[in-house]
Protein backbone atom coordinates (compact mmCIF):
# COMPACT_ATOMS: atom_id res chain seq x y z
CA MET A 1 27.43 -55.79 -84.49
CA SER A 2 24.29 -55.04 -82.45
CA ASN A 3 23.00 -51.52 -82.74
CA ASP A 4 22.70 -48.95 -79.93
CA ARG A 5 19.36 -50.03 -78.70
CA TYR A 6 19.47 -53.75 -79.36
CA GLN A 7 22.38 -55.60 -77.65
CA PHE A 8 23.51 -59.17 -77.22
CA ARG A 9 25.43 -60.74 -74.43
CA ALA A 10 26.72 -64.35 -74.30
CA VAL A 11 26.20 -65.94 -70.97
CA SER A 12 27.05 -69.15 -69.22
CA ALA A 13 26.52 -70.80 -65.82
CA LYS A 14 29.76 -69.33 -64.73
CA SER A 15 29.18 -65.87 -66.12
CA LYS A 16 29.19 -63.09 -63.72
CA HIS A 17 27.74 -59.74 -64.60
CA LYS A 18 26.62 -56.50 -62.84
CA THR A 19 23.05 -56.49 -61.79
CA VAL A 20 21.31 -53.91 -64.13
CA ALA A 21 17.65 -53.02 -63.62
CA PHE A 22 15.26 -53.54 -66.47
CA ASP A 23 11.69 -52.43 -66.82
CA ALA A 24 10.92 -55.89 -68.12
CA ILE A 25 12.54 -59.35 -68.11
CA ILE A 26 11.43 -62.09 -70.42
CA THR A 27 12.62 -65.59 -69.89
CA VAL A 28 12.14 -68.10 -72.58
CA ASN A 29 12.24 -71.83 -71.58
CA GLU A 30 11.35 -75.10 -73.33
CA THR A 31 8.51 -77.12 -72.00
CA ALA A 32 9.59 -80.42 -70.34
CA VAL A 33 7.93 -83.76 -70.13
CA GLY A 34 6.05 -84.17 -66.80
CA LEU A 35 6.11 -80.45 -65.98
CA LYS A 36 3.15 -80.01 -63.80
CA ASP A 37 3.41 -76.55 -62.30
CA TRP A 38 5.49 -73.25 -62.61
CA LYS A 39 7.48 -73.64 -59.37
CA SER A 40 10.65 -74.95 -60.93
CA LEU A 41 10.52 -72.18 -63.48
CA LEU A 42 10.39 -69.22 -61.17
CA PRO A 43 13.69 -67.36 -60.28
CA GLN A 44 15.45 -68.41 -57.14
CA SER A 45 15.51 -64.77 -56.08
CA LEU A 46 11.79 -64.81 -55.54
CA THR A 47 10.83 -65.27 -51.90
CA ASN A 48 7.59 -63.76 -50.57
CA GLU A 49 6.15 -63.38 -54.02
CA LYS A 50 6.55 -67.07 -55.13
CA GLU A 51 3.41 -68.42 -53.36
CA SER A 52 1.20 -65.66 -54.56
CA ILE A 53 2.40 -66.25 -58.18
CA LEU A 54 1.79 -69.99 -58.08
CA GLY A 55 -1.53 -69.24 -56.58
CA PHE A 56 -2.39 -66.78 -59.47
CA ALA A 57 -1.43 -69.59 -62.00
CA LYS A 58 -3.55 -72.11 -60.27
CA ARG A 59 -6.63 -69.89 -59.94
CA THR A 60 -6.50 -68.88 -63.65
CA ALA A 61 -5.74 -72.50 -64.69
CA LEU A 62 -2.60 -71.49 -66.57
CA LYS A 63 -0.78 -74.64 -67.31
CA PRO A 64 2.93 -74.85 -67.98
CA GLU A 65 2.65 -75.83 -71.63
CA ALA A 66 3.99 -74.49 -74.84
CA GLY A 67 2.51 -71.19 -75.85
CA SER A 68 1.72 -70.12 -72.21
CA VAL A 69 3.12 -66.95 -70.64
CA LEU A 70 3.18 -66.34 -66.84
CA TYR A 71 3.35 -62.60 -65.95
CA PHE A 72 4.43 -61.37 -62.55
CA ASP A 73 6.18 -58.41 -60.82
CA ARG A 74 9.50 -59.19 -59.28
CA ILE A 75 10.21 -55.83 -57.91
CA ALA A 76 8.74 -52.31 -58.21
CA LEU A 77 8.36 -51.30 -61.81
CA GLU A 78 9.85 -54.66 -63.17
CA ARG A 79 7.45 -56.80 -65.21
CA SER A 80 8.69 -60.40 -65.59
CA ALA A 81 7.36 -63.06 -67.82
CA ILE A 82 8.18 -66.70 -68.33
CA VAL A 83 7.35 -67.87 -71.90
CA LEU A 84 7.24 -71.55 -72.66
CA VAL A 85 7.87 -72.92 -76.07
CA ASP A 86 8.69 -76.24 -77.79
CA LYS A 87 10.13 -77.53 -81.13
CA LYS A 88 6.59 -78.10 -82.52
CA MET A 89 5.75 -74.47 -82.48
CA SER A 90 5.74 -72.85 -86.06
CA ALA A 91 7.53 -69.68 -86.72
CA PHE A 92 3.94 -68.14 -87.39
CA LYS A 93 2.75 -69.21 -83.87
CA LEU A 94 5.99 -67.95 -82.30
CA LEU A 95 5.49 -64.56 -83.98
CA GLY A 96 1.95 -64.36 -82.54
CA LEU A 97 3.17 -65.29 -79.09
CA ALA A 98 5.97 -62.72 -79.18
CA LYS A 99 3.66 -60.00 -80.42
CA ASP A 100 1.30 -60.58 -77.48
CA VAL A 101 4.09 -60.27 -75.09
CA MET A 102 5.43 -57.04 -76.61
CA ASP A 103 1.93 -55.58 -76.85
CA ASN A 104 1.57 -56.29 -73.11
CA LEU A 105 4.87 -54.45 -72.40
CA LYS A 106 3.81 -51.56 -74.61
CA LYS A 107 0.64 -50.97 -72.64
CA ILE A 108 2.60 -50.55 -69.42
CA LYS A 109 5.15 -48.33 -71.15
CA VAL A 110 8.42 -50.09 -70.42
CA GLY A 111 11.70 -48.44 -71.47
CA SER A 112 14.06 -51.46 -71.28
CA ILE A 113 13.72 -55.11 -71.82
CA ARG A 114 16.03 -58.17 -71.14
CA LEU A 115 15.30 -61.33 -73.06
CA ASP A 116 16.84 -64.40 -71.57
CA ILE A 117 17.02 -67.39 -74.06
CA ASN A 118 17.24 -70.71 -71.99
CA LEU A 119 16.99 -73.07 -74.93
CA GLU A 120 19.30 -75.93 -75.95
CA ASP A 121 17.79 -76.41 -79.44
CA LYS A 122 19.72 -73.99 -81.84
CA LYS A 123 16.94 -73.88 -84.38
CA LEU A 124 14.30 -73.19 -81.82
CA ALA A 125 16.50 -70.49 -80.16
CA GLU A 126 17.04 -68.88 -83.53
CA LEU A 127 13.24 -68.74 -84.26
CA VAL A 128 12.45 -67.34 -80.86
CA VAL A 129 15.05 -64.50 -81.13
CA ASP A 130 13.79 -63.70 -84.63
CA ALA A 131 10.20 -63.70 -83.46
CA PHE A 132 10.66 -61.43 -80.37
CA VAL A 133 12.96 -58.90 -82.28
CA SER A 134 10.37 -58.86 -85.13
CA ALA A 135 7.46 -58.43 -82.66
CA LEU A 136 9.33 -55.65 -80.95
CA LYS A 137 10.02 -53.85 -84.31
CA THR A 138 6.46 -54.23 -85.15
CA SER A 139 5.27 -52.77 -81.80
CA GLU A 140 7.64 -49.81 -82.26
CA PHE A 141 5.95 -48.75 -85.57
CA ARG A 142 4.16 -45.36 -85.63
CA TYR A 143 1.58 -44.66 -88.23
CA PRO A 144 1.99 -41.54 -90.40
CA ARG A 145 -0.19 -38.70 -88.98
CA TYR A 146 -1.37 -35.61 -90.75
CA GLY A 147 -2.97 -32.44 -89.18
CA ALA A 148 -2.73 -30.87 -85.82
CA ALA A 149 -0.61 -32.71 -83.20
CA PRO A 150 -2.56 -34.15 -80.27
CA LYS A 151 -2.70 -32.06 -77.12
CA GLU A 152 -0.81 -34.79 -75.29
CA ALA A 153 2.16 -36.26 -76.95
CA PRO A 154 1.68 -39.87 -77.55
CA PHE A 155 3.91 -42.38 -75.76
CA VAL A 156 6.85 -43.49 -77.93
CA PHE A 157 7.57 -47.24 -77.60
CA ALA A 158 11.27 -47.64 -78.35
CA PRO A 159 12.79 -49.67 -75.47
CA THR A 160 16.30 -50.79 -75.32
CA LEU A 161 16.65 -54.62 -75.65
CA LEU A 162 19.43 -56.89 -74.26
CA VAL A 163 19.35 -60.47 -75.47
CA ARG A 164 21.22 -62.98 -73.22
CA ALA A 165 21.96 -66.53 -74.42
CA ALA A 166 24.68 -69.20 -74.27
CA ASP A 167 25.11 -69.37 -78.07
CA GLU A 168 27.05 -66.48 -79.46
CA SER A 169 25.79 -66.99 -82.95
CA LEU A 170 22.48 -65.71 -81.90
CA GLU A 171 23.84 -62.25 -82.08
CA ASN A 172 23.80 -62.57 -85.91
CA VAL A 173 20.18 -63.62 -85.68
CA LEU A 174 19.45 -60.45 -83.56
CA ASP A 175 21.13 -58.18 -86.07
CA ARG A 176 19.35 -59.76 -89.02
CA ALA A 177 16.03 -59.63 -87.45
CA ALA A 178 16.43 -56.02 -86.50
CA HIS A 179 17.34 -55.19 -90.11
CA GLU A 180 14.33 -57.25 -91.39
CA GLY A 181 12.14 -55.44 -88.84
CA ASP A 182 13.17 -52.09 -90.18
CA GLY A 183 12.33 -53.25 -93.56
CA THR A 184 8.90 -54.38 -92.55
CA ASN A 185 8.27 -50.97 -90.98
CA LEU A 186 9.36 -49.25 -94.16
CA VAL A 187 6.81 -51.12 -96.11
CA ARG A 188 4.12 -50.23 -93.56
CA GLU A 189 5.08 -46.64 -93.57
CA LEU A 190 4.92 -46.32 -97.39
CA ALA A 191 1.77 -48.17 -97.60
CA MET A 192 0.01 -46.06 -95.10
CA LEU A 193 1.01 -42.67 -96.49
CA ALA A 194 -1.94 -40.75 -98.07
CA GLY A 195 -2.52 -41.21 -101.87
CA ASN A 196 -2.11 -37.41 -102.37
CA ASP A 197 1.25 -37.56 -100.51
CA LEU A 198 2.83 -40.67 -102.06
CA THR A 199 2.16 -39.64 -105.65
CA PRO A 200 4.28 -41.32 -108.42
CA LYS A 201 6.42 -38.15 -108.53
CA ASN A 202 6.86 -38.01 -104.70
CA TYR A 203 7.55 -41.74 -104.57
CA VAL A 204 10.21 -41.56 -107.33
CA GLU A 205 11.88 -38.65 -105.51
CA ARG A 206 12.01 -40.42 -102.24
CA LEU A 207 13.51 -43.49 -103.82
CA ARG A 208 16.07 -41.23 -105.60
CA LYS A 209 17.25 -39.78 -102.27
CA ASP A 210 17.14 -42.99 -100.33
CA ALA A 211 19.18 -44.83 -103.05
CA LYS A 212 21.92 -42.21 -102.59
CA THR A 213 21.90 -42.71 -98.80
CA GLU A 214 21.93 -46.56 -98.99
CA GLY A 215 24.52 -46.79 -101.61
CA LEU A 216 22.18 -48.16 -104.34
CA GLY A 217 22.34 -47.51 -108.00
CA PHE A 218 19.33 -45.37 -109.30
CA GLU A 219 17.70 -45.13 -112.78
CA PHE A 220 14.27 -43.76 -113.74
CA LEU A 221 12.60 -44.68 -116.96
CA ASP A 222 9.99 -41.89 -117.27
CA VAL A 223 7.17 -41.81 -119.73
CA LYS A 224 9.19 -40.40 -122.58
CA LYS A 225 11.88 -43.16 -122.15
CA LEU A 226 9.00 -45.89 -122.05
CA GLU A 227 7.62 -44.40 -125.29
CA LYS A 228 10.87 -44.90 -126.94
CA MET A 229 11.01 -48.49 -125.65
CA LYS A 230 7.44 -49.01 -126.89
CA ALA A 231 6.21 -50.16 -123.44
CA GLY A 232 2.61 -49.90 -124.55
CA ALA A 233 1.18 -52.05 -121.65
CA PHE A 234 2.56 -49.66 -119.02
CA LEU A 235 1.76 -46.66 -120.98
CA ALA A 236 -1.88 -47.50 -121.56
CA VAL A 237 -2.49 -47.63 -117.79
CA VAL A 238 -0.98 -44.14 -117.17
CA GLN A 239 -2.36 -42.26 -120.09
CA ALA A 240 -5.29 -40.96 -118.08
CA SER A 241 -3.00 -39.32 -115.57
CA PRO A 242 -2.69 -35.44 -116.12
CA GLU A 243 0.62 -35.49 -114.27
CA GLN A 244 2.44 -38.04 -116.41
CA ASP A 245 4.89 -38.64 -113.64
CA ALA A 246 4.74 -42.45 -113.76
CA GLY A 247 7.61 -44.65 -114.71
CA ILE A 248 9.84 -47.57 -113.91
CA VAL A 249 12.47 -47.24 -111.25
CA LYS A 250 15.53 -49.52 -111.37
CA LEU A 251 17.62 -49.89 -108.21
CA THR A 252 20.85 -51.82 -108.19
CA TYR A 253 22.98 -53.28 -105.46
CA ALA A 254 26.58 -54.43 -106.31
CA PRO A 255 28.34 -56.31 -103.57
CA LYS A 256 31.84 -55.23 -102.54
CA LYS A 257 32.80 -58.86 -102.19
CA LYS A 258 30.85 -60.71 -104.74
CA VAL A 259 30.64 -64.58 -104.38
CA GLY A 260 29.95 -66.23 -107.79
CA LYS A 261 28.07 -64.56 -110.63
CA LYS A 262 24.47 -65.02 -109.66
CA THR A 263 21.95 -62.19 -109.75
CA LEU A 264 18.61 -61.83 -108.12
CA THR A 265 16.05 -59.45 -109.57
CA LEU A 266 13.08 -58.09 -107.63
CA VAL A 267 10.01 -56.70 -109.28
CA GLY A 268 7.21 -54.74 -107.49
CA LYS A 269 3.89 -53.41 -108.42
CA GLY A 270 3.74 -49.65 -107.36
CA ILE A 271 0.12 -48.37 -108.14
CA THR A 272 -0.08 -45.28 -105.82
CA TYR A 273 -3.73 -45.12 -106.31
CA ASP A 274 -6.12 -47.46 -108.26
CA THR A 275 -9.58 -46.26 -109.15
CA GLY A 276 -10.09 -49.22 -111.43
CA GLY A 277 -10.04 -46.91 -114.43
CA THR A 278 -12.88 -46.96 -116.99
CA ASN A 279 -14.14 -50.11 -115.18
CA LEU A 280 -14.49 -47.86 -111.95
CA LYS A 281 -14.34 -49.71 -108.66
CA PRO A 282 -17.29 -49.55 -106.28
CA ALA A 283 -16.73 -47.08 -103.43
CA ALA A 284 -16.22 -49.84 -100.86
CA HIS A 285 -13.56 -51.43 -102.87
CA MET A 286 -11.82 -48.31 -103.83
CA TYR A 287 -11.22 -47.17 -100.28
CA GLY A 288 -7.69 -48.19 -99.17
CA MET A 289 -6.40 -48.29 -102.92
CA HIS A 290 -3.50 -46.11 -101.95
CA ARG A 291 -1.96 -49.30 -100.63
CA ASP A 292 -1.82 -50.95 -104.04
CA MET A 293 1.87 -49.97 -104.14
CA ALA A 294 2.80 -52.36 -101.39
CA GLY A 295 4.56 -54.99 -103.77
CA SER A 296 7.07 -52.23 -104.82
CA ALA A 297 7.66 -51.24 -101.22
CA VAL A 298 8.57 -54.88 -100.41
CA ALA A 299 11.01 -55.01 -103.48
CA TYR A 300 12.51 -51.77 -102.24
CA ALA A 301 12.88 -52.91 -98.66
CA LEU A 302 14.49 -56.14 -99.78
CA ILE A 303 17.21 -54.43 -101.93
CA ARG A 304 17.79 -52.03 -99.15
CA LEU A 305 18.22 -55.02 -96.79
CA ALA A 306 20.70 -56.52 -99.24
CA ALA A 307 22.80 -53.33 -99.07
CA ARG A 308 22.71 -53.01 -95.38
CA GLU A 309 23.72 -56.72 -94.79
CA GLN A 310 26.05 -56.80 -97.73
CA TRP A 311 24.60 -59.82 -99.42
CA PRO A 312 27.38 -61.63 -101.54
CA PHE A 313 25.47 -61.44 -104.86
CA ALA A 314 24.12 -58.67 -107.11
CA VAL A 315 20.50 -57.57 -106.77
CA ASN A 316 18.30 -55.46 -108.95
CA ALA A 317 14.85 -54.05 -108.22
CA TYR A 318 12.33 -52.88 -110.85
CA LEU A 319 9.52 -50.86 -109.42
CA ALA A 320 6.52 -50.13 -111.61
CA ILE A 321 5.34 -46.78 -110.23
CA ALA A 322 2.06 -45.43 -111.62
CA ASP A 323 -1.61 -44.60 -110.83
CA ASN A 324 -4.72 -46.01 -112.40
CA LEU A 325 -7.05 -43.17 -113.06
CA THR A 326 -10.24 -42.64 -115.04
CA GLY A 327 -10.97 -39.79 -117.50
CA PRO A 328 -11.39 -38.90 -121.19
CA LYS A 329 -7.89 -40.32 -122.06
CA ALA A 330 -8.20 -43.54 -120.03
CA TYR A 331 -7.73 -46.84 -121.71
CA LYS A 332 -10.92 -48.93 -121.97
CA PRO A 333 -12.36 -52.45 -122.75
CA ASN A 334 -11.84 -53.66 -126.24
CA ASP A 335 -8.73 -51.61 -126.77
CA VAL A 336 -5.76 -53.54 -128.21
CA ILE A 337 -2.44 -52.62 -126.76
CA THR A 338 1.02 -53.66 -127.86
CA ALA A 339 3.46 -54.46 -125.00
CA ALA A 340 7.17 -53.91 -124.96
CA ASN A 341 7.75 -57.58 -126.05
CA GLY A 342 5.65 -57.02 -129.28
CA LYS A 343 2.73 -59.04 -127.99
CA THR A 344 -0.72 -57.57 -128.41
CA ILE A 345 -3.36 -57.55 -125.58
CA GLU A 346 -7.03 -57.04 -125.82
CA ILE A 347 -8.40 -55.20 -122.84
CA VAL A 348 -11.23 -56.86 -121.02
CA HIS A 349 -11.24 -55.02 -117.66
CA THR A 350 -9.20 -51.85 -116.89
CA ASP A 351 -8.99 -52.81 -113.23
CA ALA A 352 -6.54 -55.56 -114.36
CA GLU A 353 -3.90 -52.65 -114.50
CA GLY A 354 -1.32 -54.62 -112.39
CA ARG A 355 -0.63 -57.23 -114.94
CA MET A 356 -0.30 -54.45 -117.51
CA VAL A 357 2.36 -52.39 -115.89
CA LEU A 358 4.12 -55.56 -114.66
CA ALA A 359 4.13 -57.09 -118.10
CA ASP A 360 6.49 -54.52 -119.50
CA THR A 361 8.38 -54.22 -116.21
CA LEU A 362 8.92 -57.91 -116.07
CA TYR A 363 10.07 -57.91 -119.70
CA LEU A 364 12.62 -55.22 -119.01
CA ALA A 365 13.79 -57.12 -115.93
CA SER A 366 14.20 -60.32 -117.82
CA LYS A 367 16.57 -58.61 -120.37
CA ASP A 368 19.19 -58.51 -117.55
CA GLN A 369 19.06 -62.37 -117.57
CA PRO A 370 18.93 -62.84 -113.81
CA ASP A 371 19.07 -66.15 -112.27
CA LEU A 372 15.89 -65.64 -110.35
CA ILE A 373 13.10 -63.03 -110.54
CA LEU A 374 10.84 -62.54 -107.45
CA ASP A 375 7.74 -60.43 -108.20
CA PHE A 376 5.72 -58.82 -105.37
CA ALA A 377 2.25 -57.41 -106.09
CA THR A 378 -1.17 -56.73 -104.54
CA LEU A 379 -2.37 -58.17 -107.82
CA THR A 380 -5.85 -59.45 -107.27
CA GLY A 381 -8.61 -59.89 -104.73
CA ALA A 382 -9.03 -63.31 -106.40
CA CYS A 383 -6.21 -64.55 -104.16
CA VAL A 384 -7.99 -63.56 -101.08
CA ALA A 385 -11.21 -65.01 -102.25
CA ALA A 386 -9.36 -68.49 -102.78
CA ILE A 387 -7.26 -68.65 -99.62
CA GLY A 388 -8.33 -65.79 -97.35
CA ASN A 389 -6.34 -63.11 -95.49
CA SER A 390 -4.01 -65.29 -93.57
CA TYR A 391 -1.99 -66.65 -96.48
CA SER A 392 0.03 -65.16 -99.27
CA GLY A 393 -0.47 -66.56 -102.77
CA ALA A 394 2.57 -67.76 -104.65
CA PHE A 395 2.94 -68.46 -108.32
CA THR A 396 5.94 -69.90 -110.16
CA ASN A 397 6.74 -71.19 -113.69
CA ARG A 398 9.23 -73.60 -112.19
CA GLU A 399 7.45 -76.29 -110.25
CA GLU A 400 10.64 -77.30 -108.63
CA HIS A 401 10.57 -74.18 -106.61
CA HIS A 402 7.16 -74.97 -104.97
CA ALA A 403 8.83 -76.66 -101.89
CA ALA A 404 11.31 -73.93 -101.39
CA ILE A 405 8.46 -71.28 -101.48
CA ILE A 406 6.56 -73.10 -98.85
CA GLU A 407 9.66 -73.74 -96.66
CA SER A 408 10.74 -70.18 -96.84
CA GLY A 409 7.34 -69.25 -95.61
CA LYS A 410 7.54 -71.61 -92.73
CA ASP A 411 11.02 -70.30 -91.71
CA SER A 412 9.90 -66.63 -91.80
CA GLY A 413 6.44 -67.03 -90.26
CA GLU A 414 4.67 -66.27 -93.44
CA ARG A 415 1.97 -68.58 -94.56
CA VAL A 416 2.30 -69.16 -98.26
CA TRP A 417 0.30 -71.29 -100.63
CA PRO A 418 1.33 -72.07 -104.29
CA PHE A 419 -1.15 -71.92 -107.11
CA PRO A 420 -1.19 -74.02 -110.21
CA ILE A 421 -0.58 -72.46 -113.64
CA ASP A 422 -1.09 -75.25 -115.99
CA GLU A 423 -0.94 -74.47 -119.70
CA ASP A 424 -4.40 -75.62 -120.52
CA LEU A 425 -5.67 -72.91 -118.21
CA GLY A 426 -4.78 -70.45 -120.86
CA GLU A 427 -7.21 -71.46 -123.43
CA CYS A 428 -9.79 -68.87 -122.30
CA LEU A 429 -7.14 -66.18 -122.67
CA LYS A 430 -7.24 -66.48 -126.50
CA SER A 431 -8.46 -63.48 -128.32
CA GLU A 432 -9.71 -63.33 -131.92
CA THR A 433 -8.24 -59.80 -132.39
CA ALA A 434 -5.03 -59.87 -130.32
CA ASP A 435 -2.43 -62.32 -129.06
CA THR A 436 -4.09 -62.53 -125.73
CA PHE A 437 -6.82 -61.15 -123.34
CA ILE A 438 -5.64 -59.16 -120.47
CA SER A 439 -8.00 -61.22 -118.27
CA THR A 440 -11.33 -63.18 -118.52
CA TRP A 441 -14.67 -63.06 -116.75
CA LEU A 442 -14.00 -66.18 -114.87
CA PRO A 443 -14.96 -66.45 -111.07
CA PRO A 444 -12.21 -65.01 -108.69
CA ILE A 445 -10.54 -68.31 -107.98
CA GLY A 446 -9.89 -69.00 -111.73
CA GLN A 447 -8.73 -65.52 -112.24
CA ALA A 448 -6.01 -66.01 -109.55
CA ASP A 449 -4.43 -68.81 -111.55
CA LEU A 450 -4.97 -67.16 -114.90
CA LEU A 451 -3.32 -63.84 -114.06
CA MET A 452 0.01 -65.67 -113.40
CA LEU A 453 -0.38 -67.56 -116.61
CA ARG A 454 -0.84 -64.24 -118.31
CA MET A 455 2.25 -62.80 -116.65
CA LYS A 456 4.35 -65.88 -117.70
């Protein structure tokens, strides 16, 4: 099932294949107890080069331990690397290791790569294949560019890849990782498009066209439809926009062979530009706010993945696509807004627009009565203030899911940390004039917990 550029070949000690030249050969081995030097790991075909390679490893004090990579040239134009791993290495660390290797190969402009997996542990082999394919996909990504083309055409890194291993089931891992890598690059592309390019109107039209190509159902709830639904929280945010092109996109995936009756619903925040509204952001914090739609891109990439991999259960995706602008019609602090569920919200800060558009979007999504809702959003800098840039924050109103969230992160190489949302935290959200405040003036860390309690 491998694609044209990414191929898999099952090999064994008795396998015989034609010798094919590759620009780069990567061999992944597991470290062994008592391994003192690289000699036993070098290919038997090396003759004159062996001593110089071992000498290089000795001079640079490169020890044969987990996480080490020994590079050497086997023949002209062929870059080789021996990568050492062990079962203790996390998926996160393996991803970093694989990325370093792929970045090195990209610098020397290789056009073909062979990845030899010499690992007996099945779980470790799966993580390694996933890491290297993901890293290759990441390295292949090209940023959107506007304006005149450069005088010299940039090098396009899109090598062929052959994965060789004894375990035939690793072909499925290769295919899945390639699809996931395409999804990651889709999110990156959408997030890097200029704000005046990926407007709500253009975003919706792209989703409409892509849905047809991918075999997904498409429905667009525009401003007029949301008015009939009395989605006041969403409409309050977009009332400053002169275009009135915002709305909620619903994408649906129905499997050809459904197993069971469970349904997964994805929700994504799609603010194509966030000025902060009446509570205008400082200039330094406004730059880059064209990426405030990344949550919706993740939700879209996931439902596209479901369609391409033919997941055996139904998936819906609700994308809250809007912009948060300022102007004479913009909503403002102390306004009281009625959400789609009938609850009233007193506005404290208009830069809390994410929880406003998501409040109505989540309400609509919940009416489908799915078994699980996953909500993705660049919702608050308070999360970064609490746990930094190397973790994703997770919130759930089902404590029994905490362990599964963390384990999923470990398996995928995504560091995740769950936040508490205890009921007593909501005392400061009580308003004298409405059912709830939109937010409070708490320090950032407290805000991170409260925003999820507010969404609950």
